[in-house]
Structure formats: structure tokens, C-alpha cells
Amino acid sequence: MTNGKTQSGIGFDVHRLVSGRPLILGGVEIAYPRGLQGHSDADVLVHAVCDALLGAVGEGDMGDFFPDTDPKFKGISSLELLKRVLRKVAKRGFRPIHLDTVVIAEAPKLRPFKGAIRRRLARALSVAESQVNVKAKTTEGLGLFGRSQGIASYAVVTVQRKGMR
């Protein structure tokens, strides 16, 4: 969506749960026996936010800038990737003003972590906590998420042209 002052973008990511990796969601490490498989730290929530931001300013997706074949991104923090995406957003003359997210996971239960995730994302985006929303959903035992084989996330972000109110 665009009206010259604000634009919106949507992002999505999914990763398989595996043993031997930490579980990081929204930049917060969550105590759980399995983590997400991926080239970076595999933070599906931050990856969805990055794709939403890139989409809002017409810059493609994370794979265009951070390919999983590039060794320099092996194990990198997704919050570092988000910083780089935010610089691209700023170069296009925009800043984030609102983020709404959904994490789809049967386990672990995310309610105890939603506040910390919200705070971490707000800080990373340089917005107030009231401008960030984090929702957690299950699939009530259905499909790969219901069998706890993976975690997915959606994000919708609104950016505003700098200098506009």
C-alpha cells in the first residue's frame, strides 16, 4: 500500500525445529530443547520483519541481500540483518512506525516471552512498544506446526516517509 506518506509490507518465514541449536524468536533466546535450522540464527520472526520492511520500500526480500549460500552470513544474528535492512529503509527515505506479527508454533508456549520479544523488536526498530504487536498462535495439533516440526511467522509493517507526521 502506498499513499506517498506511508507504505506497508508483509513478510513470512518458516524454519524446521532441530536438536542442537538455540531457539531465538524476535531476538530473544527461549529455553527449549530444540532450535530453528538455518544459515543464520534462523530467527523466523525477525526474518519475517525484515521481509516486510523490504517489501514496504520495494526492495525485494532477504534472499536478495543475505543469500544462504554466502558464508559471511553463517550464524549471523538476525538482529544484525535487521539493522542492515533498516539502513536500506532509511536510504529510501522511510522509517518504521508500526509492526504487527504472528508466530505459529505448537510449542513452546510463547505467552511468557511475548513482552520481552515486543520490547526487543521495539528497541531494534526505534519505536515505542505500543507500536509493536506480537501474537502467538497454534494450529491445534494440525500439520507440521501441530506436530512441532517447525515454527513460522508473519509480519506486517507500516513505514512512513521521514519528515511526515
Protein backbone atom coordinates (compact mmCIF):
# COMPACT_ATOMS: atom_id res chain seq x y z
CA MET A 1 0.00 0.00 0.00
CA THR A 2 1.25 3.49 -0.73
CA ASN A 3 -0.16 6.99 -0.34
CA GLY A 4 3.18 8.77 -0.58
CA LYS A 5 3.38 9.21 3.20
CA THR A 6 3.04 5.63 4.42
CA GLN A 7 3.64 2.26 2.84
CA SER A 8 3.07 -1.27 4.12
CA GLY A 9 4.75 -4.59 3.55
CA ILE A 10 4.18 -8.21 4.58
CA GLY A 11 6.77 -10.82 5.45
CA PHE A 12 6.72 -14.56 6.09
CA ASP A 13 9.30 -17.12 7.15
CA VAL A 14 9.35 -20.74 8.33
CA HIS A 15 12.13 -22.96 9.68
CA ARG A 16 12.35 -26.56 10.88
CA LEU A 17 12.92 -27.28 14.58
CA VAL A 18 16.08 -29.34 15.18
CA SER A 19 18.19 -30.50 18.12
CA GLY A 20 21.47 -28.81 18.93
CA ARG A 21 20.55 -25.21 18.16
CA PRO A 22 19.26 -22.42 20.39
CA LEU A 23 15.71 -21.20 19.82
CA ILE A 24 15.71 -17.48 19.08
CA LEU A 25 12.49 -15.61 18.35
CA GLY A 26 12.35 -11.84 17.97
CA GLY A 27 15.92 -11.62 19.17
CA VAL A 28 15.08 -13.40 22.44
CA GLU A 29 16.64 -16.75 23.31
CA ILE A 30 13.98 -19.12 24.61
CA ALA A 31 14.84 -22.15 26.73
CA TYR A 32 13.67 -25.12 24.66
CA PRO A 33 15.34 -28.43 23.74
CA ARG A 34 15.30 -27.60 20.01
CA GLY A 35 16.05 -24.55 17.92
CA LEU A 36 15.46 -23.47 14.35
CA GLN A 37 17.59 -24.76 11.49
CA GLY A 38 19.04 -22.16 9.17
CA HIS A 39 22.13 -20.47 7.77
CA SER A 40 21.89 -17.54 10.22
CA ASP A 41 20.48 -17.86 13.74
CA ALA A 42 17.20 -18.76 11.93
CA ASP A 43 15.03 -16.27 13.85
CA VAL A 44 11.82 -16.66 11.82
CA LEU A 45 10.19 -13.66 13.47
CA VAL A 46 12.99 -11.22 12.67
CA HIS A 47 13.28 -12.70 9.16
CA ALA A 48 9.58 -12.01 8.57
CA VAL A 49 10.04 -8.44 9.87
CA CYS A 50 13.00 -7.94 7.51
CA ASP A 51 10.99 -9.16 4.52
CA ALA A 52 8.05 -6.93 5.49
CA LEU A 53 10.33 -3.88 5.71
CA LEU A 54 12.00 -4.67 2.40
CA GLY A 55 8.60 -5.16 0.79
CA ALA A 56 7.29 -1.86 2.16
CA VAL A 57 10.02 0.03 0.31
CA GLY A 58 10.09 -2.15 -2.82
CA GLU A 59 13.48 -3.76 -2.13
CA GLY A 60 12.68 -7.45 -2.70
CA ASP A 61 13.38 -9.95 0.08
CA MET A 62 16.12 -11.14 2.40
CA GLY A 63 17.42 -13.69 -0.09
CA ASP A 64 18.32 -10.83 -2.44
CA PHE A 65 20.70 -9.33 0.14
CA PHE A 66 21.62 -12.18 2.50
CA PRO A 67 21.76 -15.41 0.47
CA ASP A 68 22.06 -18.62 2.46
CA THR A 69 24.93 -19.61 0.17
CA ASP A 70 27.13 -16.74 1.38
CA PRO A 71 29.47 -17.88 4.16
CA LYS A 72 29.69 -14.38 5.67
CA PHE A 73 26.10 -14.76 6.89
CA LYS A 74 26.69 -18.19 8.50
CA GLY A 75 25.48 -17.99 12.11
CA ILE A 76 24.87 -14.22 11.95
CA SER A 77 22.39 -12.70 14.37
CA SER A 78 19.13 -11.86 12.65
CA LEU A 79 19.09 -8.61 14.64
CA GLU A 80 22.26 -7.66 12.74
CA LEU A 81 20.47 -8.42 9.47
CA LEU A 82 17.56 -6.26 10.67
CA LYS A 83 19.98 -3.35 11.28
CA ARG A 84 21.18 -3.67 7.70
CA VAL A 85 17.61 -3.78 6.40
CA LEU A 86 16.71 -0.69 8.43
CA ARG A 87 19.61 1.16 6.79
CA LYS A 88 18.15 0.27 3.37
CA VAL A 89 14.73 1.50 4.52
CA ALA A 90 16.29 4.76 5.74
CA LYS A 91 18.14 5.23 2.43
CA ARG A 92 14.78 5.03 0.68
CA GLY A 93 13.60 7.89 2.95
CA PHE A 94 11.37 5.86 5.31
CA ARG A 95 11.20 4.78 8.94
CA PRO A 96 9.05 2.08 10.56
CA ILE A 97 6.03 3.28 12.54
CA HIS A 98 4.09 0.09 13.24
CA LEU A 99 4.70 -3.66 13.33
CA ASP A 100 2.16 -6.45 13.77
CA THR A 101 3.36 -10.06 13.93
CA VAL A 102 2.09 -13.61 14.31
CA VAL A 103 4.24 -16.56 15.38
CA ILE A 104 2.81 -20.00 14.61
CA ALA A 105 4.12 -22.67 16.98
CA GLU A 106 2.54 -25.53 18.90
CA ALA A 107 5.45 -25.47 21.34
CA PRO A 108 6.99 -23.86 23.19
CA LYS A 109 4.18 -21.75 24.56
CA LEU A 110 5.19 -18.17 23.82
CA ARG A 111 2.94 -16.20 26.18
CA PRO A 112 5.71 -15.82 28.83
CA PHE A 113 8.09 -14.40 26.19
CA LYS A 114 5.82 -12.04 24.24
CA GLY A 115 6.66 -8.99 26.36
CA ALA A 116 10.42 -9.49 26.01
CA ILE A 117 10.07 -10.07 22.26
CA ARG A 118 7.94 -6.96 21.89
CA ARG A 119 10.49 -4.87 23.81
CA ARG A 120 13.41 -6.24 21.78
CA LEU A 121 11.66 -5.56 18.45
CA ALA A 122 10.57 -2.07 19.51
CA ARG A 123 14.14 -1.24 20.53
CA ALA A 124 15.52 -2.64 17.26
CA LEU A 125 13.04 -0.59 15.22
CA SER A 126 13.45 2.56 17.37
CA VAL A 127 9.72 2.75 18.04
CA ALA A 128 7.58 2.68 21.18
CA GLU A 129 6.43 -0.70 22.47
CA SER A 130 2.86 0.41 21.71
CA GLN A 131 3.83 0.40 18.02
CA VAL A 132 4.72 -3.31 18.08
CA ASN A 133 2.35 -6.24 18.49
CA VAL A 134 3.33 -9.89 18.91
CA LYS A 135 0.72 -12.64 18.66
CA ALA A 136 1.30 -16.36 19.18
CA LYS A 137 -0.95 -18.96 17.57
CA THR A 138 -1.07 -22.75 17.41
CA THR A 139 -2.60 -24.94 14.74
CA GLU A 140 -4.30 -27.05 17.42
CA GLY A 141 -2.28 -30.13 16.56
CA LEU A 142 -2.69 -29.88 12.78
CA GLY A 143 0.10 -30.13 10.22
CA LEU A 144 3.83 -29.63 10.59
CA PHE A 145 3.35 -26.89 13.18
CA GLY A 146 0.90 -29.01 15.17
CA ARG A 147 3.47 -31.82 15.22
CA SER A 148 6.07 -29.28 16.46
CA GLN A 149 8.24 -29.80 13.38
CA GLY A 150 8.71 -26.10 12.72
CA ILE A 151 7.82 -22.53 13.55
CA ALA A 152 6.56 -19.85 11.17
CA SER A 153 5.97 -16.15 11.42
CA TYR A 154 4.12 -13.42 9.57
CA ALA A 155 4.83 -9.72 9.91
CA VAL A 156 3.08 -6.64 8.59
CA VAL A 157 4.93 -3.35 8.85
CA THR A 158 3.99 0.22 8.10
CA VAL A 159 6.71 2.69 7.22
CA GLN A 160 6.38 6.45 7.00
CA ARG A 161 8.30 8.87 4.83
CA LYS A 162 10.79 10.70 7.04
CA GLY A 163 9.69 14.21 7.99
CA MET A 164 5.95 13.33 7.70
CA ARG A 165 3.60 13.25 10.64
